[in-house]
């Protein structure tokens, strides 16, 4: 066990052992003591090393160059601490060499010895911490710059997208207006052409016109009918809108109404199961069911025609299926039939014009669902489509 010794015995040794550069300055600004670290630092920077007796305040006040501002600020801090205006003064400052970046913090406190006030001025090397802070600051600045660049790019992309969407909406509106006007304008000459062909057939059949002419007129009438149906279908496709008002719709009841409007074979069997109500636009649902039932009727096989509509909940949708035992569709054509003007059969009285299923897909997709076809077991076709469930739409009275 070490013998007890007064603390003063270790004071000088501890003072010199400190890594910080320390000087004790009197009230007049004169340095009265320095530690070894102060002396070594002064010598490494071109000084004599023995700064005791020099007026530190005068040196700081007269400093010039890049360090002048920090030196004068340190002198003001020493005076403020010595006057009792503040307890401690701290200042971080750079102290670089041609080969090294260095940073220090000057810390000034006051103490009393033998009735006189002194300032303890300590300069501590904080280069490692400061470089880390500067690196973090630079990294943050880089990240902020990149975020700003990304934000500006996203805003520019969003503005461009909004502009393109606006242009697309304008073009779609113009196209819809054009299709509407063109469809109406085309129907008038077609009606006139068909009427005059019928007049020629009725008035001159067996007289001025021979049998071949009657055949030609029949072809004209048939093609006029096809053209009129095509115009009506194009008009129907262009008028399908997602803004159409919607309500709770009973597809089962609507299917029976559409069924009654079609000419079915006497032995045809149409079954409509209990279908959950859907949130949809009734006129568009009537058109959807009309096209699907019309296809089942149009492409039935030689055997007894059987058609069945069923549906069941599927999360927030209703999954509906219309099955028939008709001539069917090969799996490789299941997606193709939903394209515009796509036919799997020739231009016959039952061949269609290739728009009906395109209209169906547009109606279903505008309602937020999807539609697809698969070969039914035992032959025929199963058309699957999904529509919004009424229970998941609340009590809205209009469309989205």
Foldseek 3Di string as FASTA:
>chain_A
DDDDDDPVVCVLVVQQPDQWWKFKAFPQQFTQDTHPNVLVVQVVVPHPSPRHGPRQLVCLCPDDDPCNVVSPVVSVQQNCQQVVVDAKDKDKDWDDDPVDTWIWMWMWGWDDDPRGIIIMITIGTPRVVVVVVVVVVVVVVVVVVVVVVVVVVVVVVVVVVVVVVVVVVVVLVVVLVVLQVVLVVVLVVLVVQLVVLVVCCVVQPPHPDDPVSNVVSVVSNVVSVQVNVVSVLSNLLSPQALQFWWDFDQLLVLLVVLVVVDDADPQAAEEEDRFATFTAHSVLSNLLSNLVVLLQRLFADPDHKYWYWYWDDDVQKIKIKIWIQGQADDPVCFVVLLDAQDWPDDPDPSGHRSRSSVSNQSRQVSQVKGWTKDADPPHTIMIIMMHGHPVVPPHDGTGD
